Amino acid sequence: MAEVLTLGECLVAFVASEPGPLAETSRFDRFVAGAEANVAVGLARLGHSVDFVGRVGADGFGEAIRRRLRGEGVGIEHLVTDDQATTGLMFRERRHLGSAQVVYARRGSAGSRLNVDDINRAADDGLIRGARWLHLTGITPAISESARAATFRTAELARAAGLTISLDLNLRRKLWPDETAAPILRRLAACADIVLGSTDELAAIAGQPVGDGDPDGHPGGLVRAVLRIGPSIVVVKLGAGGALVVSTDVSGSTVARPALPLPVVVDPVGAGDAFCAGFIAARLEALSLERALEYANACGAAAAAALGDQTGLPNRDELAILLASGGDSPDTIR
């Protein structure tokens, strides 16, 4: 059985080949995408075994996903082919200035039809009790009621089996507003050992303003509010500012690491998933929280330096090079 289990919707993404508005775009590059699948591929490249549970359509795009994940070494025994729905698609423009427009064709998709029966079948086959870690995101419970139920069922079974559970909040406001998402994500956070998110995502589940940190600008107020929900570790993604982690396991101490310098951001989408893969890999290897942040920042930078969610995810040798180039960074945030 695999070390890590994750579940969700894997999509095919069409990303504009050149920067510019979607209205003027005529050429796209095709990639496999989806937050949990990105994490799964990131972990597999770093030498960790991963099983992915989900659904794809009985179409060419679904087959492309199967080939991609299988080729990366991700376990897909429980990636169901659903002949009643099509594989979800995403179309994304590229921008050097401002946010990029994203258009989804995923309503009623095969991935959104993930359900509790899918999880129970995976559990019956030992995927949960044989794993060490479950990784969840806030996207899957947003795509449908059945996917939400599947997410909570997986968390329930993983908690009973003693797995470490991580939750990347990944709040997608195109899928649901904060007032709908917050109580559901709080319930998931209460099941998790580790919660990862940006300051605005943490603020949403904490029910506090984004600026409600400490007087020095440190987001400690938000972090403490999230810790009270239930996790023992909260990781704050700060983008170009690096990342910090607060853990109740070490008397609430805060560890911070700067981001790796990135001369050009080619494609920031997927960098957060790469960050999660790096962090999880380090913790599976019993490395310190400091080292886990360094892994995470390096993986995030590598992903942002290439076009497509999974293209830049580093393998072990590539990660070692990145760490050697930036591993001596001081314990501060720039």
C-alpha atoms as a PDB file:
ATOM      1  CA  MET A   1       0.000   0.000   0.000  1.00  0.00           C
ATOM      2  CA  ALA A   2       1.061   3.600  -0.595  1.00  0.00           C
ATOM      3  CA  GLU A   3       2.364   5.956   2.089  1.00  0.00           C
ATOM      4  CA  VAL A   4       0.046   8.777   1.074  1.00  0.00           C
ATOM      5  CA  LEU A   5      -3.592   8.811   0.036  1.00  0.00           C
ATOM      6  CA  THR A   6      -5.350  11.727  -1.616  1.00  0.00           C
ATOM      7  CA  LEU A   7      -8.599  12.234  -3.468  1.00  0.00           C
ATOM      8  CA  GLY A   8     -10.280  14.785  -5.670  1.00  0.00           C
ATOM      9  CA  GLU A   9     -10.970  15.887  -9.217  1.00  0.00           C
ATOM     10  CA  CYS A  10      -8.221  15.627 -11.792  1.00  0.00           C
ATOM     11  CA  LEU A  11      -8.770  17.919 -14.782  1.00  0.00           C
ATOM     12  CA  VAL A  12      -7.308  18.556 -18.180  1.00  0.00           C
ATOM     13  CA  ALA A  13      -6.109  22.156 -18.379  1.00  0.00           C
ATOM     14  CA  PHE A  14      -5.712  24.155 -21.581  1.00  0.00           C
ATOM     15  CA  VAL A  15      -3.273  26.975 -20.879  1.00  0.00           C
ATOM     16  CA  ALA A  16      -2.753  29.794 -23.359  1.00  0.00           C
ATOM     17  CA  SER A  17       0.503  29.349 -25.255  1.00  0.00           C
ATOM     18  CA  GLU A  18       1.193  33.094 -25.216  1.00  0.00           C
ATOM     19  CA  PRO A  19       0.329  35.864 -22.754  1.00  0.00           C
ATOM     20  CA  GLY A  20      -2.765  37.905 -23.491  1.00  0.00           C
ATOM     21  CA  PRO A  21      -6.523  38.025 -22.927  1.00  0.00           C
ATOM     22  CA  LEU A  22      -8.541  34.862 -23.359  1.00  0.00           C
ATOM     23  CA  ALA A  23     -10.673  36.617 -25.981  1.00  0.00           C
ATOM     24  CA  GLU A  24      -7.612  36.837 -28.248  1.00  0.00           C
ATOM     25  CA  THR A  25      -6.120  33.415 -27.489  1.00  0.00           C
ATOM     26  CA  SER A  26      -6.210  30.808 -30.238  1.00  0.00           C
ATOM     27  CA  ARG A  27      -3.455  28.396 -29.178  1.00  0.00           C
ATOM     28  CA  PHE A  28      -3.305  26.386 -25.963  1.00  0.00           C
ATOM     29  CA  ASP A  29      -0.968  23.849 -24.399  1.00  0.00           C
ATOM     30  CA  ARG A  30      -2.650  20.877 -22.744  1.00  0.00           C
ATOM     31  CA  PHE A  31      -1.745  19.734 -19.228  1.00  0.00           C
ATOM     32  CA  VAL A  32      -3.090  17.451 -16.538  1.00  0.00           C
ATOM     33  CA  ALA A  33      -4.059  19.458 -13.463  1.00  0.00           C
ATOM     34  CA  GLY A  34      -6.019  19.363 -10.204  1.00  0.00           C
ATOM     35  CA  ALA A  35      -4.737  20.257  -6.744  1.00  0.00           C
ATOM     36  CA  GLU A  36      -4.657  16.790  -5.187  1.00  0.00           C
ATOM     37  CA  ALA A  37      -3.276  15.177  -8.344  1.00  0.00           C
ATOM     38  CA  ASN A  38      -0.540  17.823  -8.443  1.00  0.00           C
ATOM     39  CA  VAL A  39       0.439  16.944  -4.875  1.00  0.00           C
ATOM     40  CA  ALA A  40       0.374  13.241  -5.733  1.00  0.00           C
ATOM     41  CA  VAL A  41       2.711  13.715  -8.704  1.00  0.00           C
ATOM     42  CA  GLY A  42       4.974  15.988  -6.644  1.00  0.00           C
ATOM     43  CA  LEU A  43       5.322  13.360  -3.934  1.00  0.00           C
ATOM     44  CA  ALA A  44       5.882  10.557  -6.444  1.00  0.00           C
ATOM     45  CA  ARG A  45       8.723  12.493  -8.073  1.00  0.00           C
ATOM     46  CA  LEU A  46      10.279  12.896  -4.636  1.00  0.00           C
ATOM     47  CA  GLY A  47      10.246   9.137  -4.134  1.00  0.00           C
ATOM     48  CA  HIS A  48       7.090   8.646  -2.056  1.00  0.00           C
ATOM     49  CA  SER A  49       4.304   6.237  -2.919  1.00  0.00           C
ATOM     50  CA  VAL A  50       0.862   7.778  -3.443  1.00  0.00           C
ATOM     51  CA  ASP A  51      -2.625   6.516  -4.221  1.00  0.00           C
ATOM     52  CA  PHE A  52      -5.159   8.807  -5.887  1.00  0.00           C
ATOM     53  CA  VAL A  53      -8.915   8.244  -5.579  1.00  0.00           C
ATOM     54  CA  GLY A  54     -11.236   9.975  -8.026  1.00  0.00           C
ATOM     55  CA  ARG A  55     -13.271   9.747 -11.205  1.00  0.00           C
ATOM     56  CA  VAL A  56     -12.630  10.570 -14.850  1.00  0.00           C
ATOM     57  CA  GLY A  57     -14.862  10.326 -17.875  1.00  0.00           C
ATOM     58  CA  ALA A  58     -14.800   7.500 -20.398  1.00  0.00           C
ATOM     59  CA  ASP A  59     -13.191   9.833 -22.916  1.00  0.00           C
ATOM     60  CA  GLY A  60      -9.799  10.738 -24.310  1.00  0.00           C
ATOM     61  CA  PHE A  61      -9.191  13.334 -21.628  1.00  0.00           C
ATOM     62  CA  GLY A  62      -9.832  10.768 -18.920  1.00  0.00           C
ATOM     63  CA  GLU A  63      -7.393   8.411 -20.603  1.00  0.00           C
ATOM     64  CA  ALA A  64      -4.807  11.205 -20.795  1.00  0.00           C
ATOM     65  CA  ILE A  65      -5.129  11.642 -17.023  1.00  0.00           C
ATOM     66  CA  ARG A  66      -4.759   7.908 -16.427  1.00  0.00           C
ATOM     67  CA  ARG A  67      -1.649   7.716 -18.583  1.00  0.00           C
ATOM     68  CA  ARG A  68      -0.125  10.762 -16.914  1.00  0.00           C
ATOM     69  CA  LEU A  69      -0.680   9.660 -13.338  1.00  0.00           C
ATOM     70  CA  ARG A  70       0.315   6.072 -14.044  1.00  0.00           C
ATOM     71  CA  GLY A  71       3.437   7.266 -15.835  1.00  0.00           C
ATOM     72  CA  GLU A  72       4.399   9.364 -12.809  1.00  0.00           C
ATOM     73  CA  GLY A  73       4.071   6.331 -10.541  1.00  0.00           C
ATOM     74  CA  VAL A  74       0.839   7.397  -8.823  1.00  0.00           C
ATOM     75  CA  GLY A  75      -1.476   4.544  -7.838  1.00  0.00           C
ATOM     76  CA  ILE A  76      -4.753   4.786  -9.784  1.00  0.00           C
ATOM     77  CA  GLU A  77      -6.463   1.508  -8.909  1.00  0.00           C
ATOM     78  CA  HIS A  78      -9.329   3.567  -7.489  1.00  0.00           C
ATOM     79  CA  LEU A  79      -9.489   6.177 -10.243  1.00  0.00           C
ATOM     80  CA  VAL A  80     -12.925   5.193 -11.540  1.00  0.00           C
ATOM     81  CA  THR A  81     -13.887   5.564 -15.191  1.00  0.00           C
ATOM     82  CA  ASP A  82     -17.401   7.020 -15.171  1.00  0.00           C
ATOM     83  CA  ASP A  83     -19.291   6.461 -18.425  1.00  0.00           C
ATOM     84  CA  GLN A  84     -22.137   8.727 -17.293  1.00  0.00           C
ATOM     85  CA  ALA A  85     -20.126  11.976 -17.265  1.00  0.00           C
ATOM     86  CA  THR A  86     -17.239  13.681 -19.002  1.00  0.00           C
ATOM     87  CA  THR A  87     -13.819  14.638 -17.674  1.00  0.00           C
ATOM     88  CA  GLY A  88     -13.607  18.171 -16.273  1.00  0.00           C
ATOM     89  CA  LEU A  89     -11.785  20.794 -18.335  1.00  0.00           C
ATOM     90  CA  MET A  90     -10.193  24.142 -17.545  1.00  0.00           C
ATOM     91  CA  PHE A  91      -9.156  26.971 -19.884  1.00  0.00           C
ATOM     92  CA  ARG A  92      -6.677  29.516 -18.581  1.00  0.00           C
ATOM     93  CA  GLU A  93      -5.129  32.627 -20.046  1.00  0.00           C
ATOM     94  CA  ARG A  94      -1.616  33.846 -19.219  1.00  0.00           C
ATOM     95  CA  ARG A  95      -0.928  37.319 -17.894  1.00  0.00           C
ATOM     96  CA  HIS A  96       2.277  39.131 -17.010  1.00  0.00           C
ATOM     97  CA  LEU A  97       0.183  41.824 -15.327  1.00  0.00           C
ATOM     98  CA  GLY A  98      -2.895  41.171 -13.200  1.00  0.00           C
ATOM     99  CA  SER A  99      -4.684  37.911 -12.498  1.00  0.00           C
ATOM    100  CA  ALA A 100      -5.334  35.385 -15.261  1.00  0.00           C
ATOM    101  CA  GLN A 101      -8.896  34.548 -16.256  1.00  0.00           C
ATOM    102  CA  VAL A 102      -9.869  30.909 -15.764  1.00  0.00           C
ATOM    103  CA  VAL A 103     -12.933  29.251 -17.323  1.00  0.00           C
ATOM    104  CA  TYR A 104     -14.086  25.825 -16.134  1.00  0.00           C
ATOM    105  CA  ALA A 105     -16.170  23.187 -17.886  1.00  0.00           C
ATOM    106  CA  ARG A 106     -16.644  20.937 -14.870  1.00  0.00           C
ATOM    107  CA  ARG A 107     -20.281  21.189 -13.760  1.00  0.00           C
ATOM    108  CA  GLY A 108     -21.584  17.619 -13.513  1.00  0.00           C
ATOM    109  CA  SER A 109     -18.151  16.275 -14.446  1.00  0.00           C
ATOM    110  CA  ALA A 110     -17.010  12.755 -13.647  1.00  0.00           C
ATOM    111  CA  GLY A 111     -14.744  14.115 -10.937  1.00  0.00           C
ATOM    112  CA  SER A 112     -17.631  15.878  -9.218  1.00  0.00           C
ATOM    113  CA  ARG A 113     -19.424  12.515  -8.964  1.00  0.00           C
ATOM    114  CA  LEU A 114     -16.903  11.182  -6.448  1.00  0.00           C
ATOM    115  CA  ASN A 115     -18.943   9.687  -3.609  1.00  0.00           C
ATOM    116  CA  VAL A 116     -18.847   7.831  -0.313  1.00  0.00           C
ATOM    117  CA  ASP A 117     -19.121   4.440  -2.041  1.00  0.00           C
ATOM    118  CA  ASP A 118     -15.874   5.178  -3.882  1.00  0.00           C
ATOM    119  CA  ILE A 119     -14.182   5.825  -0.549  1.00  0.00           C
ATOM    120  CA  ASN A 120     -15.648   2.769   1.129  1.00  0.00           C
ATOM    121  CA  ARG A 121     -14.407   0.559  -1.722  1.00  0.00           C
ATOM    122  CA  ALA A 122     -10.921   2.034  -1.386  1.00  0.00           C
ATOM    123  CA  ALA A 123     -11.051   1.475   2.369  1.00  0.00           C
ATOM    124  CA  ASP A 124     -12.154  -2.129   1.884  1.00  0.00           C
ATOM    125  CA  ASP A 125      -9.075  -2.626  -0.283  1.00  0.00           C
ATOM    126  CA  GLY A 126      -6.832  -1.340   2.502  1.00  0.00           C
ATOM    127  CA  LEU A 127      -5.823   1.996   0.978  1.00  0.00           C
ATOM    128  CA  ILE A 128      -6.527   3.872   4.198  1.00  0.00           C
ATOM    129  CA  ARG A 129      -5.291   1.513   6.881  1.00  0.00           C
ATOM    130  CA  GLY A 130      -2.170   0.826   4.818  1.00  0.00           C
ATOM    131  CA  ALA A 131      -1.252   4.513   4.463  1.00  0.00           C
ATOM    132  CA  ARG A 132       0.609   6.906   6.749  1.00  0.00           C
ATOM    133  CA  TRP A 133      -0.797  10.204   5.516  1.00  0.00           C
ATOM    134  CA  LEU A 134      -4.012  11.612   4.047  1.00  0.00           C
ATOM    135  CA  HIS A 135      -3.885  14.869   2.119  1.00  0.00           C
ATOM    136  CA  LEU A 136      -7.083  16.859   1.560  1.00  0.00           C
ATOM    137  CA  THR A 137      -7.862  20.222  -0.008  1.00  0.00           C
ATOM    138  CA  GLY A 138     -10.755  22.643   0.234  1.00  0.00           C
ATOM    139  CA  ILE A 139     -11.532  22.185  -3.459  1.00  0.00           C
ATOM    140  CA  THR A 140     -13.058  18.710  -3.397  1.00  0.00           C
ATOM    141  CA  PRO A 141     -15.782  19.502  -0.829  1.00  0.00           C
ATOM    142  CA  ALA A 142     -16.697  22.533  -2.953  1.00  0.00           C
ATOM    143  CA  ILE A 143     -17.395  20.749  -6.236  1.00  0.00           C
ATOM    144  CA  SER A 144     -20.470  18.741  -5.193  1.00  0.00           C
ATOM    145  CA  GLU A 145     -22.427  17.410  -2.232  1.00  0.00           C
ATOM    146  CA  SER A 146     -21.314  13.842  -2.957  1.00  0.00           C
ATOM    147  CA  ALA A 147     -17.649  14.872  -3.165  1.00  0.00           C
ATOM    148  CA  ARG A 148     -18.045  16.744   0.122  1.00  0.00           C
ATOM    149  CA  ALA A 149     -19.478  13.662   1.791  1.00  0.00           C
ATOM    150  CA  ALA A 150     -16.636  11.582   0.349  1.00  0.00           C
ATOM    151  CA  THR A 151     -14.087  14.007   1.772  1.00  0.00           C
ATOM    152  CA  PHE A 152     -15.526  13.833   5.276  1.00  0.00           C
ATOM    153  CA  ARG A 153     -15.860  10.037   5.084  1.00  0.00           C
ATOM    154  CA  THR A 154     -12.189   9.752   4.148  1.00  0.00           C
ATOM    155  CA  ALA A 155     -11.173  12.045   6.998  1.00  0.00           C
ATOM    156  CA  GLU A 156     -13.273   9.977   9.416  1.00  0.00           C
ATOM    157  CA  LEU A 157     -11.679   6.696   8.329  1.00  0.00           C
ATOM    158  CA  ALA A 158      -8.179   8.185   8.311  1.00  0.00           C
ATOM    159  CA  ARG A 159      -8.590   9.582  11.801  1.00  0.00           C
ATOM    160  CA  ALA A 160      -9.758   6.186  13.072  1.00  0.00           C
ATOM    161  CA  ALA A 161      -6.766   4.528  11.392  1.00  0.00           C
ATOM    162  CA  GLY A 162      -4.277   6.965  12.957  1.00  0.00           C
ATOM    163  CA  LEU A 163      -3.084   8.635   9.747  1.00  0.00           C
ATOM    164  CA  THR A 164      -1.592  12.106   9.752  1.00  0.00           C
ATOM    165  CA  ILE A 165      -4.081  14.380   7.988  1.00  0.00           C
ATOM    166  CA  SER A 166      -3.099  17.549   6.148  1.00  0.00           C
ATOM    167  CA  LEU A 167      -5.565  20.087   4.767  1.00  0.00           C
ATOM    168  CA  ASP A 168      -4.600  22.686   2.184  1.00  0.00           C
ATOM    169  CA  LEU A 169      -7.445  25.185   2.444  1.00  0.00           C
ATOM    170  CA  ASN A 170      -7.266  26.096  -1.257  1.00  0.00           C
ATOM    171  CA  LEU A 171     -10.303  28.356  -1.011  1.00  0.00           C
ATOM    172  CA  ARG A 172     -11.795  28.756  -4.494  1.00  0.00           C
ATOM    173  CA  ARG A 173     -14.288  31.602  -4.374  1.00  0.00           C
ATOM    174  CA  LYS A 174     -15.555  30.808  -7.885  1.00  0.00           C
ATOM    175  CA  LEU A 175     -16.846  27.534  -6.445  1.00  0.00           C
ATOM    176  CA  TRP A 176     -18.342  28.845  -3.210  1.00  0.00           C
ATOM    177  CA  PRO A 177     -18.442  32.075  -1.186  1.00  0.00           C
ATOM    178  CA  ASP A 178     -16.646  32.454   2.131  1.00  0.00           C
ATOM    179  CA  GLU A 179     -19.854  32.247   4.157  1.00  0.00           C
ATOM    180  CA  THR A 180     -20.577  28.803   2.678  1.00  0.00           C
ATOM    181  CA  ALA A 181     -17.017  27.550   2.664  1.00  0.00           C
ATOM    182  CA  ALA A 182     -15.901  28.694   6.122  1.00  0.00           C
ATOM    183  CA  PRO A 183     -17.999  26.383   8.329  1.00  0.00           C
ATOM    184  CA  ILE A 184     -17.254  23.369   6.153  1.00  0.00           C
ATOM    185  CA  LEU A 185     -13.525  24.064   6.058  1.00  0.00           C
ATOM    186  CA  ARG A 186     -13.541  24.615   9.819  1.00  0.00           C
ATOM    187  CA  ARG A 187     -15.036  21.144  10.242  1.00  0.00           C
ATOM    188  CA  LEU A 188     -12.319  19.688   8.057  1.00  0.00           C
ATOM    189  CA  ALA A 189      -9.626  21.665   9.880  1.00  0.00           C
ATOM    190  CA  ALA A 190     -10.877  20.214  13.153  1.00  0.00           C
ATOM    191  CA  CYS A 191     -10.129  16.743  11.727  1.00  0.00           C
ATOM    192  CA  ALA A 192      -6.668  17.692  10.479  1.00  0.00           C
ATOM    193  CA  ASP A 193      -3.260  17.602  12.128  1.00  0.00           C
ATOM    194  CA  ILE A 194      -1.813  20.161   9.704  1.00  0.00           C
ATOM    195  CA  VAL A 195      -3.583  23.085   8.027  1.00  0.00           C
ATOM    196  CA  LEU A 196      -1.885  24.994   5.222  1.00  0.00           C
ATOM    197  CA  GLY A 197      -3.113  28.225   3.680  1.00  0.00           C
ATOM    198  CA  SER A 198      -2.524  31.847   2.772  1.00  0.00           C
ATOM    199  CA  THR A 199      -3.387  34.583   5.253  1.00  0.00           C
ATOM    200  CA  ASP A 200      -6.720  35.317   3.553  1.00  0.00           C
ATOM    201  CA  GLU A 201      -7.679  31.624   3.618  1.00  0.00           C
ATOM    202  CA  LEU A 202      -6.761  31.317   7.274  1.00  0.00           C
ATOM    203  CA  ALA A 203      -8.725  34.477   8.013  1.00  0.00           C
ATOM    204  CA  ALA A 204     -11.798  33.013   6.300  1.00  0.00           C
ATOM    205  CA  ILE A 205     -11.929  29.923   8.507  1.00  0.00           C
ATOM    206  CA  ALA A 206     -10.885  31.842  11.614  1.00  0.00           C
ATOM    207  CA  GLY A 207     -13.694  34.333  11.076  1.00  0.00           C
ATOM    208  CA  GLN A 208     -11.274  37.235  11.448  1.00  0.00           C
ATOM    209  CA  PRO A 209     -10.089  40.056   9.182  1.00  0.00           C
ATOM    210  CA  VAL A 210      -6.948  39.354   7.147  1.00  0.00           C
ATOM    211  CA  GLY A 211      -5.083  42.083   9.024  1.00  0.00           C
ATOM    212  CA  ASP A 212      -5.980  40.649  12.420  1.00  0.00           C
ATOM    213  CA  GLY A 213      -2.456  39.593  13.285  1.00  0.00           C
ATOM    214  CA  ASP A 214       0.011  40.825  15.847  1.00  0.00           C
ATOM    215  CA  PRO A 215       1.021  44.499  16.165  1.00  0.00           C
ATOM    216  CA  ASP A 216       4.259  43.840  14.273  1.00  0.00           C
ATOM    217  CA  GLY A 217       2.359  42.524  11.253  1.00  0.00           C
ATOM    218  CA  HIS A 218       3.051  38.865  12.057  1.00  0.00           C
ATOM    219  CA  PRO A 219      -0.064  36.737  11.311  1.00  0.00           C
ATOM    220  CA  GLY A 220       0.138  35.171  14.760  1.00  0.00           C
ATOM    221  CA  GLY A 221      -3.394  36.156  15.700  1.00  0.00           C
ATOM    222  CA  LEU A 222      -4.831  34.293  12.727  1.00  0.00           C
ATOM    223  CA  VAL A 223      -2.603  31.289  13.346  1.00  0.00           C
ATOM    224  CA  ARG A 224      -3.616  31.028  16.995  1.00  0.00           C
ATOM    225  CA  ALA A 225      -7.278  31.223  16.006  1.00  0.00           C
ATOM    226  CA  VAL A 226      -6.830  28.346  13.551  1.00  0.00           C
ATOM    227  CA  LEU A 227      -4.883  26.289  16.092  1.00  0.00           C
ATOM    228  CA  ARG A 228      -7.835  26.587  18.435  1.00  0.00           C
ATOM    229  CA  ILE A 229      -9.987  24.843  15.818  1.00  0.00           C
ATOM    230  CA  GLY A 230      -7.967  21.666  16.313  1.00  0.00           C
ATOM    231  CA  PRO A 231      -4.805  21.178  14.201  1.00  0.00           C
ATOM    232  CA  SER A 232      -1.431  21.011  15.931  1.00  0.00           C
ATOM    233  CA  ILE A 233       0.463  22.653  13.050  1.00  0.00           C
ATOM    234  CA  VAL A 234      -0.487  25.633  10.898  1.00  0.00           C
ATOM    235  CA  VAL A 235       1.586  26.534   7.846  1.00  0.00           C
ATOM    236  CA  VAL A 236       1.204  30.018   6.384  1.00  0.00           C
ATOM    237  CA  LYS A 237       2.030  30.421   2.684  1.00  0.00           C
ATOM    238  CA  LEU A 238       3.372  33.922   2.073  1.00  0.00           C
ATOM    239  CA  GLY A 239       4.247  33.671  -1.622  1.00  0.00           C
ATOM    240  CA  ALA A 240       7.313  35.777  -2.380  1.00  0.00           C
ATOM    241  CA  GLY A 241       7.616  36.290   1.390  1.00  0.00           C
ATOM    242  CA  GLY A 242       8.327  32.609   1.965  1.00  0.00           C
ATOM    243  CA  ALA A 243       6.418  30.702   4.626  1.00  0.00           C
ATOM    244  CA  LEU A 244       6.118  30.194   8.332  1.00  0.00           C
ATOM    245  CA  VAL A 245       4.864  27.422  10.556  1.00  0.00           C
ATOM    246  CA  VAL A 246       3.537  27.411  14.099  1.00  0.00           C
ATOM    247  CA  SER A 247       3.274  24.178  16.032  1.00  0.00           C
ATOM    248  CA  THR A 248       1.694  23.458  19.400  1.00  0.00           C
ATOM    249  CA  ASP A 249       3.999  20.428  19.633  1.00  0.00           C
ATOM    250  CA  VAL A 250       6.950  22.706  20.390  1.00  0.00           C
ATOM    251  CA  SER A 251       5.327  25.181  22.752  1.00  0.00           C
ATOM    252  CA  GLY A 252       3.832  27.308  20.019  1.00  0.00           C
ATOM    253  CA  SER A 253       7.188  28.251  18.519  1.00  0.00           C
ATOM    254  CA  THR A 254       7.275  29.908  15.112  1.00  0.00           C
ATOM    255  CA  VAL A 255       9.661  28.899  12.345  1.00  0.00           C
ATOM    256  CA  ALA A 256      10.035  30.991   9.186  1.00  0.00           C
ATOM    257  CA  ARG A 257      11.905  30.488   5.944  1.00  0.00           C
ATOM    258  CA  PRO A 258      12.277  32.890   3.010  1.00  0.00           C
ATOM    259  CA  ALA A 259      11.207  32.033  -0.508  1.00  0.00           C
ATOM    260  CA  LEU A 260      13.786  31.007  -3.058  1.00  0.00           C
ATOM    261  CA  PRO A 261      14.566  33.934  -5.359  1.00  0.00           C
ATOM    262  CA  LEU A 262      12.746  33.483  -8.660  1.00  0.00           C
ATOM    263  CA  PRO A 263      13.922  35.761 -11.497  1.00  0.00           C
ATOM    264  CA  VAL A 264      10.821  35.116 -13.617  1.00  0.00           C
ATOM    265  CA  VAL A 265       7.473  33.664 -12.570  1.00  0.00           C
ATOM    266  CA  VAL A 266       6.432  31.656 -15.617  1.00  0.00           C
ATOM    267  CA  ASP A 267       3.226  30.194 -14.192  1.00  0.00           C
ATOM    268  CA  PRO A 268       2.232  30.539 -10.518  1.00  0.00           C
ATOM    269  CA  VAL A 269      -0.710  28.127 -10.747  1.00  0.00           C
ATOM    270  CA  GLY A 270       0.154  24.886  -9.003  1.00  0.00           C
ATOM    271  CA  ALA A 271       2.965  26.374  -6.924  1.00  0.00           C
ATOM    272  CA  GLY A 272       0.893  25.999  -3.758  1.00  0.00           C
ATOM    273  CA  ASP A 273       0.335  22.305  -4.490  1.00  0.00           C
ATOM    274  CA  ALA A 274       4.059  21.840  -5.091  1.00  0.00           C
ATOM    275  CA  PHE A 275       4.673  23.575  -1.759  1.00  0.00           C
ATOM    276  CA  CYS A 276       2.423  21.014  -0.049  1.00  0.00           C
ATOM    277  CA  ALA A 277       4.199  18.111  -1.742  1.00  0.00           C
ATOM    278  CA  GLY A 278       7.569  19.342  -0.521  1.00  0.00           C
ATOM    279  CA  PHE A 279       6.329  19.879   3.028  1.00  0.00           C
ATOM    280  CA  ILE A 280       4.671  16.449   3.222  1.00  0.00           C
ATOM    281  CA  ALA A 281       7.724  14.694   1.778  1.00  0.00           C
ATOM    282  CA  ALA A 282      10.002  16.242   4.393  1.00  0.00           C
ATOM    283  CA  ARG A 283       7.692  15.304   7.259  1.00  0.00           C
ATOM    284  CA  LEU A 284       7.357  11.736   5.958  1.00  0.00           C
ATOM    285  CA  GLU A 285      11.137  11.620   6.155  1.00  0.00           C
ATOM    286  CA  ALA A 286      11.002  12.832   9.792  1.00  0.00           C
ATOM    287  CA  LEU A 287      12.763  16.074   8.931  1.00  0.00           C
ATOM    288  CA  SER A 288      12.371  19.202  11.050  1.00  0.00           C
ATOM    289  CA  LEU A 289       9.743  21.843  10.430  1.00  0.00           C
ATOM    290  CA  GLU A 290      12.550  24.168   9.336  1.00  0.00           C
ATOM    291  CA  ARG A 291      13.693  21.697   6.693  1.00  0.00           C
ATOM    292  CA  ALA A 292      10.099  20.995   5.668  1.00  0.00           C
ATOM    293  CA  LEU A 293       9.601  24.690   4.873  1.00  0.00           C
ATOM    294  CA  GLU A 294      12.808  24.692   2.832  1.00  0.00           C
ATOM    295  CA  TYR A 295      11.596  21.669   0.851  1.00  0.00           C
ATOM    296  CA  ALA A 296       8.201  23.341   0.388  1.00  0.00           C
ATOM    297  CA  ASN A 297       9.575  26.692  -0.750  1.00  0.00           C
ATOM    298  CA  ALA A 298      11.978  25.030  -3.183  1.00  0.00           C
ATOM    299  CA  CYS A 299       9.230  22.871  -4.720  1.00  0.00           C
ATOM    300  CA  GLY A 300       6.904  25.863  -5.012  1.00  0.00           C
ATOM    301  CA  ALA A 301       9.561  27.922  -6.775  1.00  0.00           C
ATOM    302  CA  ALA A 302      10.338  25.078  -9.180  1.00  0.00           C
ATOM    303  CA  ALA A 303       6.670  24.751 -10.106  1.00  0.00           C
ATOM    304  CA  ALA A 304       6.269  28.486 -10.699  1.00  0.00           C
ATOM    305  CA  ALA A 305       9.289  28.481 -13.011  1.00  0.00           C
ATOM    306  CA  ALA A 306       7.595  26.250 -15.622  1.00  0.00           C
ATOM    307  CA  LEU A 307       4.344  26.329 -17.591  1.00  0.00           C
ATOM    308  CA  GLY A 308       1.686  23.923 -16.348  1.00  0.00           C
ATOM    309  CA  ASP A 309       0.731  22.676 -12.897  1.00  0.00           C
ATOM    310  CA  GLN A 310       3.013  19.630 -12.859  1.00  0.00           C
ATOM    311  CA  THR A 311       5.767  20.393 -15.359  1.00  0.00           C
ATOM    312  CA  GLY A 312       8.231  21.950 -12.924  1.00  0.00           C
ATOM    313  CA  LEU A 313       7.690  19.609  -9.987  1.00  0.00           C
ATOM    314  CA  PRO A 314      11.234  18.570  -9.023  1.00  0.00           C
ATOM    315  CA  ASN A 315      12.654  15.102  -8.539  1.00  0.00           C
ATOM    316  CA  ARG A 316      15.113  14.325  -5.737  1.00  0.00           C
ATOM    317  CA  ASP A 317      18.209  15.434  -7.647  1.00  0.00           C
ATOM    318  CA  GLU A 318      16.576  18.670  -8.794  1.00  0.00           C
ATOM    319  CA  LEU A 319      15.382  19.406  -5.274  1.00  0.00           C
ATOM    320  CA  ALA A 320      18.885  18.846  -3.907  1.00  0.00           C
ATOM    321  CA  ILE A 321      20.261  21.401  -6.360  1.00  0.00           C
ATOM    322  CA  LEU A 322      17.628  23.944  -5.390  1.00  0.00           C
ATOM    323  CA  LEU A 323      18.246  23.402  -1.689  1.00  0.00           C
ATOM    324  CA  ALA A 324      21.978  23.744  -2.150  1.00  0.00           C
ATOM    325  CA  SER A 325      21.473  27.063  -3.898  1.00  0.00           C
ATOM    326  CA  GLY A 326      19.217  28.493  -1.205  1.00  0.00           C
ATOM    327  CA  GLY A 327      19.547  26.230   1.781  1.00  0.00           C
ATOM    328  CA  ASP A 328      21.686  28.615   3.821  1.00  0.00           C
ATOM    329  CA  SER A 329      18.945  31.253   4.032  1.00  0.00           C
ATOM    330  CA  PRO A 330      18.552  32.823   7.465  1.00  0.00           C
ATOM    331  CA  ASP A 331      15.620  32.081   9.740  1.00  0.00           C
ATOM    332  CA  THR A 332      13.747  35.223   8.777  1.00  0.00           C
ATOM    333  CA  ILE A 333      11.158  36.328   6.266  1.00  0.00           C
ATOM    334  CA  ARG A 334      12.244  38.801   3.635  1.00  0.00           C
END
